[in-house]
Protein backbone atom coordinates (compact mmCIF):
# COMPACT_ATOMS: atom_id res chain seq x y z
CA UNK A 1 82.03 -10.30 73.09
CA UNK A 2 80.85 -13.86 72.62
CA UNK A 3 81.15 -13.66 68.84
CA UNK A 4 84.72 -12.32 69.09
CA UNK A 5 85.66 -15.14 71.44
CA UNK A 6 84.07 -17.76 69.21
CA UNK A 7 85.76 -16.28 66.15
CA UNK A 8 89.16 -16.22 67.84
CA UNK A 9 88.81 -19.72 69.26
CA UNK A 10 87.56 -21.03 65.93
CA UNK A 11 90.53 -19.64 64.07
CA UNK A 12 92.98 -20.91 66.69
CA UNK A 13 91.50 -24.41 66.69
CA UNK A 14 91.35 -24.55 62.90
CA UNK A 15 94.95 -23.33 62.69
CA UNK A 16 96.09 -25.88 65.24
CA UNK A 17 94.19 -28.66 63.48
CA UNK A 18 95.72 -27.72 60.10
CA UNK A 19 99.21 -27.46 61.59
CA UNK A 20 98.73 -30.79 63.37
CA UNK A 21 97.53 -32.45 60.15
CA UNK A 22 100.57 -31.15 58.23
CA UNK A 23 102.90 -32.21 61.05
CA UNK A 24 101.26 -35.65 61.24
CA UNK A 25 101.61 -36.09 57.46
CA UNK A 26 105.28 -35.11 57.56
CA UNK A 27 106.01 -37.31 60.59
CA UNK A 28 104.16 -40.25 59.08
CA UNK A 29 106.01 -40.16 55.78
CA UNK A 30 109.34 -39.52 57.46
CA UNK A 31 108.78 -42.51 59.73
CA UNK A 32 107.82 -44.70 56.76
CA UNK A 33 110.88 -43.65 54.81
CA UNK A 34 113.19 -44.28 57.77
CA UNK A 35 111.51 -47.64 58.40
CA UNK A 36 112.06 -48.56 54.75
CA UNK A 37 115.74 -47.64 55.06
CA UNK A 38 115.93 -49.72 58.24
CA UNK A 39 114.46 -52.76 56.46
CA UNK A 40 116.92 -52.32 53.59
CA UNK A 41 119.70 -52.31 56.11
CA UNK A 42 118.18 -55.43 57.60
CA UNK A 43 118.23 -57.21 54.23
CA UNK A 44 121.86 -56.26 53.66
CA UNK A 45 122.82 -57.43 57.16
CA UNK A 46 121.11 -60.80 56.58
CA UNK A 47 122.88 -61.27 53.26
CA UNK A 48 126.31 -60.46 54.66
CA UNK A 49 125.88 -62.48 57.84
CA UNK A 50 124.96 -65.84 56.26
CA UNK A 51 127.47 -68.60 57.13
CA UNK A 52 129.82 -69.59 54.33
CA UNK A 53 129.04 -73.32 54.70
CA UNK A 54 125.32 -72.82 54.12
CA UNK A 55 124.18 -75.08 51.28
CA UNK A 56 121.40 -77.44 50.35
CA UNK A 57 117.78 -76.29 51.00
CA UNK A 58 114.90 -76.86 48.69
CA UNK A 59 116.80 -76.04 45.54
CA UNK A 60 120.28 -77.43 46.39
CA UNK A 61 121.83 -80.81 45.63
CA UNK A 62 123.41 -81.52 48.97
CA UNK A 63 120.28 -82.65 50.77
CA UNK A 64 118.04 -80.76 53.14
CA UNK A 65 119.55 -78.48 55.69
CA UNK A 66 117.67 -76.60 58.43
CA UNK A 67 116.88 -72.96 57.86
CA UNK A 68 119.38 -70.60 59.46
CA UNK A 69 118.30 -69.05 62.74
CA UNK A 70 117.25 -65.49 61.81
CA UNK A 71 115.41 -64.75 65.03
CA UNK A 72 112.39 -62.43 64.53
CA UNK A 73 113.17 -62.08 60.84
CA UNK A 74 111.61 -65.47 60.14
CA UNK A 75 108.24 -63.87 60.75
CA UNK A 76 109.01 -61.34 58.05
CA UNK A 77 109.31 -64.08 55.38
CA UNK A 78 112.92 -63.52 54.41
CA UNK A 79 113.73 -65.56 51.29
CA UNK A 80 117.39 -66.58 50.84
CA UNK A 81 118.94 -67.79 47.62
CA UNK A 82 122.61 -68.72 47.05
CA UNK A 83 124.29 -69.56 43.74
CA UNK A 84 127.81 -70.84 43.08
CA UNK A 85 130.26 -69.31 40.61
CA UNK A 86 128.75 -71.34 37.79
CA UNK A 87 125.23 -70.12 38.53
CA UNK A 88 124.01 -73.36 40.08
CA UNK A 89 121.70 -72.95 43.07
CA UNK A 90 123.30 -74.24 46.23
CA UNK A 91 120.67 -72.94 48.68
CA UNK A 92 117.04 -71.83 48.50
CA UNK A 93 114.64 -71.16 51.37
CA UNK A 94 112.07 -73.88 51.79
CA UNK A 95 108.51 -73.22 50.64
CA UNK A 96 109.48 -69.91 49.05
CA UNK A 97 109.05 -68.62 45.51
CA UNK A 98 112.02 -68.86 43.15
CA UNK A 99 113.61 -65.63 41.95
CA UNK A 100 115.86 -65.02 39.03
CA UNK A 101 119.37 -63.96 39.78
CA UNK A 102 119.34 -60.17 39.89
CA UNK A 103 122.20 -57.69 39.65
CA UNK A 104 123.98 -56.81 42.91
CA UNK A 105 122.40 -54.18 45.14
CA UNK A 106 118.82 -53.32 45.99
CA UNK A 107 115.93 -53.81 43.64
CA UNK A 108 112.14 -54.13 43.68
CA UNK A 109 110.61 -56.86 41.54
CA UNK A 110 107.13 -58.21 40.90
CA UNK A 111 106.53 -61.93 41.29
CA UNK A 112 102.98 -63.13 40.82
CA UNK A 113 100.63 -60.71 42.53
CA UNK A 114 103.20 -59.45 45.04
CA UNK A 115 106.09 -57.05 45.03
CA UNK A 116 109.41 -58.00 46.63
CA UNK A 117 112.37 -55.99 47.83
CA UNK A 118 115.65 -57.78 47.00
CA UNK A 119 119.34 -57.38 47.78
CA UNK A 120 122.16 -59.27 46.09
CA UNK A 121 125.86 -59.43 46.87
CA UNK A 122 128.80 -61.53 45.63
CA UNK A 123 130.83 -63.36 48.28
CA UNK A 124 133.93 -65.13 46.87
CA UNK A 125 132.75 -68.31 45.18
CA UNK A 126 129.07 -67.66 45.70
CA UNK A 127 126.33 -65.06 45.08
CA UNK A 128 123.82 -64.37 47.86
CA UNK A 129 120.41 -62.86 47.24
CA UNK A 130 117.74 -62.13 49.89
CA UNK A 131 114.20 -60.93 49.37
CA UNK A 132 111.33 -59.69 51.48
CA UNK A 133 107.66 -58.98 50.57
CA UNK A 134 106.98 -55.26 50.19
CA UNK A 135 103.58 -55.74 51.91
CA UNK A 136 105.29 -56.98 55.06
CA UNK A 137 107.65 -54.01 54.99
CA UNK A 138 104.73 -51.63 54.49
CA UNK A 139 102.79 -53.11 57.42
CA UNK A 140 105.78 -52.87 59.71
CA UNK A 141 106.59 -49.34 58.51
CA UNK A 142 102.96 -48.33 59.08
CA UNK A 143 103.04 -49.64 62.64
CA UNK A 144 106.27 -47.78 63.35
CA UNK A 145 104.87 -44.56 61.82
CA UNK A 146 101.68 -44.81 63.87
CA UNK A 147 103.73 -45.33 67.02
CA UNK A 148 105.40 -41.97 66.33
CA UNK A 149 102.03 -40.21 65.99
CA UNK A 150 100.42 -41.09 69.31
CA UNK A 151 102.26 -38.33 71.24
CA UNK A 152 100.90 -35.84 68.73
CA UNK A 153 97.38 -37.26 69.13
CA UNK A 154 97.66 -36.76 72.90
CA UNK A 155 99.29 -33.36 72.60
CA UNK A 156 96.64 -31.86 70.29
CA UNK A 157 93.63 -31.98 72.70
CA UNK A 158 95.85 -30.93 75.59
CA UNK A 159 97.04 -27.96 73.54
CA UNK A 160 93.46 -27.05 72.59
CA UNK A 161 92.42 -27.08 76.25
CA UNK A 162 95.40 -24.91 77.14
CA UNK A 163 94.55 -22.49 74.33
CA UNK A 164 90.94 -22.29 75.52
CA UNK A 165 92.10 -21.53 79.05
CA UNK A 166 94.62 -18.93 77.88
CA UNK A 167 92.10 -17.24 75.57
CA UNK A 168 89.41 -17.25 78.26
CA UNK A 169 91.83 -15.74 80.75
CA UNK A 170 93.09 -13.22 78.20
CA UNK A 171 89.55 -12.11 77.29
CA UNK A 172 88.30 -12.07 80.89
CA UNK A 173 89.07 -8.33 81.31
CA UNK A 174 87.04 -7.55 78.19
CA UNK A 175 84.17 -9.65 79.55
CA UNK A 176 84.35 -7.80 82.84
CA UNK A 177 84.38 -4.49 80.97
CA UNK A 178 81.31 -5.52 78.96
CA UNK A 179 79.41 -6.55 82.10
CA UNK A 180 80.35 -3.31 83.84
CA UNK A 181 78.97 -1.28 80.93
CA UNK A 182 75.86 -3.45 80.56
CA UNK A 183 74.87 -3.11 84.22
CA UNK A 184 75.26 0.66 84.28
CA UNK A 185 72.21 2.88 84.33
CA UNK A 186 71.73 5.34 81.52
CA UNK A 187 72.57 8.29 83.77
CA UNK A 188 75.79 6.76 85.11
CA UNK A 189 78.59 8.44 83.16
CA UNK A 190 81.47 8.03 85.60
CA UNK A 191 84.82 6.91 84.10
CA UNK A 192 85.67 3.24 84.10
CA UNK A 193 88.16 2.18 86.73
CA UNK A 194 91.62 1.16 85.50
CA UNK A 195 93.06 -1.43 87.88
CA UNK A 196 96.41 -3.15 87.89
CA UNK A 197 95.00 -6.33 86.32
CA UNK A 198 93.94 -4.52 83.15
CA UNK A 199 96.04 -5.77 80.20
CA UNK A 200 98.11 -3.18 78.39
CA UNK A 201 96.33 -3.98 75.11
CA UNK A 202 92.92 -3.01 76.56
CA UNK A 203 94.00 0.22 78.22
CA UNK A 204 93.64 2.35 75.02
CA UNK A 205 90.07 1.04 74.62
CA UNK A 206 89.19 1.87 78.24
CA UNK A 207 90.77 5.31 77.96
CA UNK A 208 88.81 6.02 74.76
CA UNK A 209 85.58 4.90 76.48
CA UNK A 210 86.33 7.13 79.46
CA UNK A 211 86.90 10.05 77.12
CA UNK A 212 83.56 9.35 75.40
CA UNK A 213 81.78 9.08 78.77
CA UNK A 214 83.30 12.40 79.83
CA UNK A 215 82.05 14.11 76.66
CA UNK A 216 78.59 12.57 77.07
CA UNK A 217 78.49 13.76 80.67
CA UNK A 218 79.42 17.27 79.59
CA UNK A 219 76.74 17.26 76.88
CA UNK A 220 74.14 15.91 79.32
CA UNK A 221 74.94 18.59 81.88
CA UNK A 222 74.73 21.25 79.18
CA UNK A 223 71.33 19.94 78.10
CA UNK A 224 69.98 19.96 81.64
CA UNK A 225 71.32 23.47 82.17
CA UNK A 226 69.70 24.63 78.94
CA UNK A 227 66.33 23.17 79.93
CA UNK A 228 66.48 24.81 83.35
CA UNK A 229 67.49 28.18 81.84
CA UNK A 230 64.85 27.93 79.12
CA UNK A 231 62.15 27.13 81.69
CA UNK A 232 63.05 30.28 83.62
CA UNK A 233 63.68 32.60 80.68
CA UNK A 234 60.56 31.61 78.73
CA UNK A 235 57.93 31.15 81.38
CA UNK A 236 58.69 34.28 83.38
CA UNK A 237 58.28 36.86 80.56
CA UNK A 238 55.17 35.13 79.23
CA UNK A 239 53.57 35.01 82.66
CA UNK A 240 54.43 38.70 83.18
CA UNK A 241 52.92 39.58 79.81
CA UNK A 242 49.71 37.78 80.68
CA UNK A 243 49.48 39.57 84.02
CA UNK A 244 49.96 42.94 82.28
CA UNK A 245 47.21 42.11 79.79
CA UNK A 246 44.84 41.12 82.57
CA UNK A 247 45.68 44.29 84.49
CA UNK A 248 45.10 46.45 81.42
CA UNK A 249 41.78 44.76 80.83
CA UNK A 250 40.63 45.47 84.39
CA UNK A 251 41.66 49.12 84.63
CA UNK A 252 40.20 49.97 81.22
CA UNK A 253 43.42 51.38 79.71
CA UNK A 254 42.62 49.43 76.57
CA UNK A 255 39.04 50.62 76.41
CA UNK A 256 37.36 49.71 73.14
CA UNK A 257 39.93 47.12 72.33
CA UNK A 258 38.26 44.24 74.18
CA UNK A 259 38.14 41.83 71.27
CA UNK A 260 41.74 42.57 70.29
CA UNK A 261 42.86 42.11 73.89
CA UNK A 262 40.96 38.86 74.11
CA UNK A 263 42.65 37.55 70.98
CA UNK A 264 46.08 38.61 72.27
CA UNK A 265 45.42 36.88 75.57
CA UNK A 266 44.27 33.78 73.69
CA UNK A 267 47.50 33.80 71.70
CA UNK A 268 49.56 34.27 74.84
CA UNK A 269 47.79 31.35 76.48
CA UNK A 270 48.59 29.15 73.49
CA UNK A 271 52.24 30.22 73.59
CA UNK A 272 52.44 29.51 77.33
CA UNK A 273 50.86 26.11 76.82
CA UNK A 274 53.23 25.35 73.93
CA UNK A 275 56.28 26.38 75.97
CA UNK A 276 55.15 24.26 78.90
CA UNK A 277 54.63 21.27 76.60
CA UNK A 278 58.02 21.77 74.93
CA UNK A 279 59.77 21.97 78.28
CA UNK A 280 57.95 18.90 79.52
CA UNK A 281 58.90 17.00 76.37
CA UNK A 282 62.53 18.14 76.65
CA UNK A 283 62.63 16.99 80.28
CA UNK A 284 61.18 13.62 79.33
CA UNK A 285 63.70 13.19 76.50
CA UNK A 286 66.55 14.01 78.86
CA UNK A 287 65.06 12.06 81.76
CA UNK A 288 67.24 9.07 82.70
CA UNK A 289 65.79 5.67 83.42
CA UNK A 290 64.86 6.59 86.98
CA UNK A 291 64.56 3.74 89.40
CA UNK A 292 60.92 2.88 89.96
CA UNK A 293 59.30 3.21 93.38
CA UNK A 294 55.91 2.25 94.86
CA UNK A 295 53.32 4.90 94.00
CA UNK A 296 49.56 4.92 94.42
CA UNK A 297 47.94 5.15 91.00
CA UNK A 298 44.63 5.87 92.72
CA UNK A 299 46.02 8.90 94.53
CA UNK A 300 47.59 10.15 91.31
CA UNK A 301 44.21 9.80 89.60
CA UNK A 302 42.42 11.64 92.42
CA UNK A 303 44.98 14.44 92.32
CA UNK A 304 44.74 14.76 88.53
CA UNK A 305 40.93 14.86 88.60
CA UNK A 306 41.09 17.51 91.34
CA UNK A 307 43.59 19.61 89.36
CA UNK A 308 41.44 19.61 86.20
CA UNK A 309 38.06 19.86 87.90
CA UNK A 310 37.96 23.66 87.53
CA UNK A 311 38.76 23.47 83.80
CA UNK A 312 36.13 20.75 83.36
CA UNK A 313 33.56 22.84 85.25
CA UNK A 314 34.28 25.87 83.09
CA UNK A 315 33.67 23.78 79.98
CA UNK A 316 30.57 22.16 81.54
CA UNK A 317 32.14 18.67 81.38
CA UNK A 318 31.49 15.91 83.88
CA UNK A 319 34.94 14.68 85.06
CA UNK A 320 35.19 11.66 87.34
CA UNK A 321 37.36 8.80 88.59
CA UNK A 322 36.27 5.17 88.57
CA UNK A 323 38.12 2.14 90.03
CA UNK A 324 37.40 -1.32 88.69
CA UNK A 325 38.81 -4.73 89.54
CA UNK A 326 40.00 -6.15 92.82
CA UNK A 327 39.00 -4.68 96.14
CA UNK A 328 41.40 -5.12 99.05
CA UNK A 329 41.58 -3.31 102.40
CA UNK A 330 44.53 -1.18 101.38
CA UNK A 331 45.12 0.60 98.08
CA UNK A 332 45.17 -2.15 95.46
CA UNK A 333 46.47 0.25 92.79
CA UNK A 334 49.95 0.71 94.22
CA UNK A 335 52.39 0.11 91.37
CA UNK A 336 56.10 0.39 90.67
CA UNK A 337 56.47 3.57 88.63
CA UNK A 338 57.99 7.03 88.56
CA UNK A 339 55.60 9.40 90.32
CA UNK A 340 56.26 12.58 88.32
CA UNK A 341 56.06 10.75 84.99
CA UNK A 342 52.72 9.13 85.82
CA UNK A 343 51.35 12.51 86.94
CA UNK A 344 52.37 14.08 83.63
CA UNK A 345 51.02 11.13 81.63
CA UNK A 346 47.59 11.12 83.27
CA UNK A 347 47.40 14.93 83.31
CA UNK A 348 48.08 15.16 79.56
CA UNK A 349 45.47 12.50 78.80
CA UNK A 350 42.81 14.28 80.91
CA UNK A 351 43.72 17.70 79.50
CA UNK A 352 43.59 16.38 75.94
CA UNK A 353 40.21 14.72 76.56
CA UNK A 354 38.69 17.88 78.12
CA UNK A 355 39.88 20.12 75.28
CA UNK A 356 38.31 17.85 72.65
CA UNK A 357 35.02 17.20 74.44
CA UNK A 358 32.11 19.57 73.79
CA UNK A 359 30.08 21.22 76.56
CA UNK A 360 27.76 18.81 78.32
CA UNK A 361 30.05 15.85 77.68
CA UNK A 362 31.94 13.70 80.14
CA UNK A 363 35.46 12.46 80.76
CA UNK A 364 36.03 9.34 82.87
CA UNK A 365 39.33 8.21 84.32
CA UNK A 366 39.12 4.44 84.85
CA UNK A 367 41.63 2.43 86.90
CA UNK A 368 41.64 -1.33 86.40
CA UNK A 369 43.39 -4.20 88.16
CA UNK A 370 43.43 -7.78 86.92
CA UNK A 371 45.58 -10.00 89.12
CA UNK A 372 49.01 -8.39 89.21
CA UNK A 373 48.32 -6.22 86.14
CA UNK A 374 47.22 -2.61 86.66
CA UNK A 375 46.20 -0.17 83.95
CA UNK A 376 44.41 3.09 83.39
CA UNK A 377 42.08 4.43 80.72
CA UNK A 378 40.74 7.90 79.91
CA UNK A 379 37.39 7.80 78.11
CA UNK A 380 35.75 10.93 76.72
CA UNK A 381 32.59 11.72 74.75
CA UNK A 382 34.28 14.05 72.32
CA UNK A 383 34.63 14.02 68.57
CA UNK A 384 37.09 11.10 68.42
CA UNK A 385 39.81 10.70 65.81
CA UNK A 386 39.56 9.62 62.20
CA UNK A 387 40.64 5.96 61.86
CA UNK A 388 43.42 6.81 59.38
CA UNK A 389 44.95 9.24 61.92
CA UNK A 390 45.02 6.92 64.94
CA UNK A 391 48.58 5.80 64.22
CA UNK A 392 49.91 9.34 63.76
CA UNK A 393 48.55 11.21 66.75
CA UNK A 394 51.53 10.16 68.88
CA UNK A 395 53.90 12.01 66.52
CA UNK A 396 55.24 15.33 67.70
CA UNK A 397 53.32 18.44 66.56
CA UNK A 398 50.76 16.36 64.70
CA UNK A 399 47.20 17.62 64.85
CA UNK A 400 44.38 16.08 62.89
CA UNK A 401 42.46 18.02 60.29
CA UNK A 402 39.41 18.28 62.55
CA UNK A 403 41.36 19.13 65.71
CA UNK A 404 40.01 22.03 67.76
CA UNK A 405 41.14 23.85 70.86
CA UNK A 406 44.50 25.22 71.93
CA UNK A 407 46.48 22.02 71.57
CA UNK A 408 50.04 22.03 70.27
CA UNK A 409 50.25 18.44 69.06
CA UNK A 410 52.67 17.47 71.85
CA UNK A 411 50.40 16.05 74.55
CA UNK A 412 50.17 12.51 73.20
CA UNK A 413 53.84 12.60 72.15
CA UNK A 414 54.76 13.24 75.78
CA UNK A 415 52.42 10.44 76.87
CA UNK A 416 54.11 8.04 74.42
CA UNK A 417 57.56 9.02 75.70
CA UNK A 418 56.61 8.42 79.34
CA UNK A 419 54.86 5.15 78.47
CA UNK A 420 57.95 3.94 76.62
CA UNK A 421 60.13 4.77 79.63
CA UNK A 422 57.76 2.76 81.85
CA UNK A 423 57.46 -0.03 79.25
CA UNK A 424 53.70 0.45 79.01
CA UNK A 425 51.46 -0.55 76.12
CA UNK A 426 49.35 2.32 74.75
CA UNK A 427 46.12 1.72 72.86
CA UNK A 428 44.01 4.37 71.16
CA UNK A 429 40.52 3.66 69.81
CA UNK A 430 37.24 5.34 69.09
CA UNK A 431 34.39 4.32 71.36
CA UNK A 432 32.17 1.62 69.92
CA UNK A 433 28.56 2.63 69.41
CA UNK A 434 28.98 6.17 70.76
CA UNK A 435 31.04 9.29 70.26
CA UNK A 436 34.36 9.78 71.92
CA UNK A 437 37.85 8.37 72.30
CA UNK A 438 39.46 5.91 74.70
CA UNK A 439 43.19 5.98 75.51
CA UNK A 440 44.45 3.07 77.63
CA UNK A 441 47.86 2.41 79.19
CA UNK A 442 48.52 -1.11 80.45
CA UNK A 443 51.51 -3.06 81.71
CA UNK A 444 51.97 -1.69 85.22
CA UNK A 445 52.63 -4.34 87.84
CA UNK A 446 51.09 -4.18 91.29
CA UNK A 447 53.58 -3.63 94.06
CA UNK A 448 54.22 -6.99 95.79
CA UNK A 449 54.65 -5.43 99.22
CA UNK A 450 51.05 -4.25 99.03
CA UNK A 451 49.57 -7.74 99.09
CA UNK A 452 52.07 -8.97 101.66
CA UNK A 453 51.24 -6.07 103.97
CA UNK A 454 47.53 -6.86 103.60
CA UNK A 455 48.15 -10.49 104.45
CA UNK A 456 50.18 -9.54 107.49
CA UNK A 457 47.43 -7.31 108.80
């Protein structure tokens, strides 16, 4: 929006400046030409208005005679010369250069280092010739031309200001439209409102945007419907199949097929886990930027450890929760986050750590607070990850060459998606000096109301 406005204003100002320069050039030269014609008319008027009894002067024989009263023209250095029929000079302006007698009419001659504009006319028994320096004419013409330009010099900035105001007012609806779209949440797909102040030129754009928003809303609803249907249609048959296998194993109807049944059940468990991970990932991909709310990271950690305690006990793994950092009367690990997303994130990290930790190992969930920064870390004593694979384990369906267990390669991908939605920084590293892997998520901010409530109490 800003670039379009700058581009439009730049072109308008450049166009106005170019047009003003051309207009000023034309006005200036027109004024100079008209001023030159005016001065020619002035010379002719002086020549025709000289009294018939004027004689003498610096070049005459009849003695000195005062200069004729020419009013303001005396400042313009008008030179007057008069000859009789025989060519003898009967009048010449005092202290003025002497010119040759030139043909009647206007002419421009060079005398010394100066150019002169002359006019000659015959009057009965005499010939009158007047001259004026071209430099004086040019100076006067320049002053007159500049006097004609000052309205243009005043008009140009006024016009630019008016153009800026008109353009700003004309683009204001587009600016309002841009702000309305920028402040919308990702899940807000309602049509834009068309009010009476909307310019006709912008209405097609708004209507096209509304049509796009309607199609996006339809596609989003279809995606959510598909995820809900898939969750029901996939989980229910798989769960029923597992129950039937367990029932068959108990009643002995598959007697002698214990190993086969165990492998089938193992496969079914992997399929169920894969479906659950795919559905979770699909939900996270379709999840809008939900508004954050105060949640207790400590309670989420306690719940996650409780949920996976049975699995950890079955695998003979020591699973625990540790809180480091500040200690305050109330829960100092209350953060602004989305509760379901943080549950899924921490659950996937714990599940991934348990599945890759051998029997007799340990998995620790560590919560840390440093000032207003809160983070979590899951540390295991498993096999770790090869250094060259650390950057790839967050890719979907990626499993390292030495990966074991029933993983599908989606757990860390889901973690990365949730962390990105919460604007968290994920770090993955092998433990220094001992076996195992550490996955840390940092960037959560402590809820301000927590400290204020503590202070109030």
